[in-house]
Amino acid sequence: MAIVVNLDVMLAKRKMRSKELAERIGITEQNVSLLKSGKVKGIRFDTLERICAALDCQPGDILEFAPDRTE
């Protein structure tokens, strides 16, 4: 996939656990885990906004475009 989710990196930089982030932004810990693994097909902007506020970061710190080199 061309979009890489770096949520685990930001959590580590902020020394925050997935459980704490889930509680702060109002989603389940399982959904945070799915986001971290990149197994989701999309994310609502309001969820992304809450993640960025909780982690004091920009959307680009969490999401990265990395084009597939298989073509």
Protein backbone atom coordinates (compact mmCIF):
# COMPACT_ATOMS: atom_id res chain seq x y z
CA MET A 1 0.00 0.00 0.00
CA ALA A 2 1.24 3.48 -0.83
CA ILE A 3 0.10 5.05 2.46
CA VAL A 4 2.20 4.13 5.49
CA VAL A 5 0.79 4.69 8.99
CA ASN A 6 3.46 5.81 11.47
CA LEU A 7 1.18 5.96 14.50
CA ASP A 8 3.36 3.53 16.44
CA VAL A 9 6.38 5.80 15.88
CA MET A 10 4.53 8.86 17.19
CA LEU A 11 3.26 6.93 20.20
CA ALA A 12 6.82 5.89 21.02
CA LYS A 13 8.11 9.46 20.59
CA ARG A 14 5.43 10.74 22.98
CA LYS A 15 5.95 7.80 25.36
CA MET A 16 2.25 7.00 25.19
CA ARG A 17 0.57 3.61 25.12
CA SER A 18 -2.20 2.69 22.70
CA LYS A 19 -4.62 2.33 25.61
CA GLU A 20 -3.98 5.89 26.77
CA LEU A 21 -4.44 7.27 23.25
CA ALA A 22 -7.68 5.32 22.84
CA GLU A 23 -9.03 6.75 26.10
CA ARG A 24 -8.02 10.31 25.18
CA ILE A 25 -9.60 10.28 21.72
CA GLY A 26 -12.65 8.16 22.47
CA ILE A 27 -12.09 5.07 20.31
CA THR A 28 -11.44 1.46 21.25
CA GLU A 29 -7.95 0.15 21.84
CA GLN A 30 -8.64 -2.40 19.09
CA ASN A 31 -9.28 0.40 16.59
CA VAL A 32 -6.00 2.07 17.59
CA SER A 33 -4.29 -1.28 16.99
CA LEU A 34 -5.88 -1.56 13.54
CA LEU A 35 -4.71 1.97 12.71
CA LYS A 36 -1.17 1.20 13.87
CA SER A 37 -1.01 -1.94 11.74
CA GLY A 38 -2.28 -0.12 8.64
CA LYS A 39 -5.17 -2.58 8.25
CA VAL A 40 -7.75 0.16 7.81
CA LYS A 41 -8.90 1.53 4.47
CA GLY A 42 -9.66 5.00 5.76
CA ILE A 43 -9.79 7.32 8.74
CA ARG A 44 -12.30 10.03 9.54
CA PHE A 45 -10.84 13.53 9.65
CA ASP A 46 -12.30 14.13 13.12
CA THR A 47 -10.51 11.01 14.40
CA LEU A 48 -7.27 12.15 12.76
CA GLU A 49 -7.75 15.59 14.33
CA ARG A 50 -8.18 14.08 17.82
CA ILE A 51 -5.09 11.88 17.34
CA CYS A 52 -3.02 14.89 16.27
CA ALA A 53 -4.28 16.92 19.24
CA ALA A 54 -3.52 14.11 21.70
CA LEU A 55 -0.03 13.51 20.27
CA ASP A 56 0.71 17.19 19.53
CA CYS A 57 1.66 16.42 15.93
CA GLN A 58 0.65 17.03 12.32
CA PRO A 59 -1.22 14.54 10.07
CA GLY A 60 2.00 14.16 8.05
CA ASP A 61 3.72 12.84 11.17
CA ILE A 62 1.27 9.95 11.20
CA LEU A 63 0.56 9.32 7.52
CA GLU A 64 3.26 8.99 4.86
CA PHE A 65 3.02 8.47 1.11
CA ALA A 66 5.46 5.79 -0.07
CA PRO A 67 4.76 4.80 -3.68
CA ASP A 68 4.95 1.11 -4.53
CA ARG A 69 8.09 0.31 -6.50
CA THR A 70 6.67 -2.87 -8.07
CA GLU A 71 5.49 -1.22 -11.29
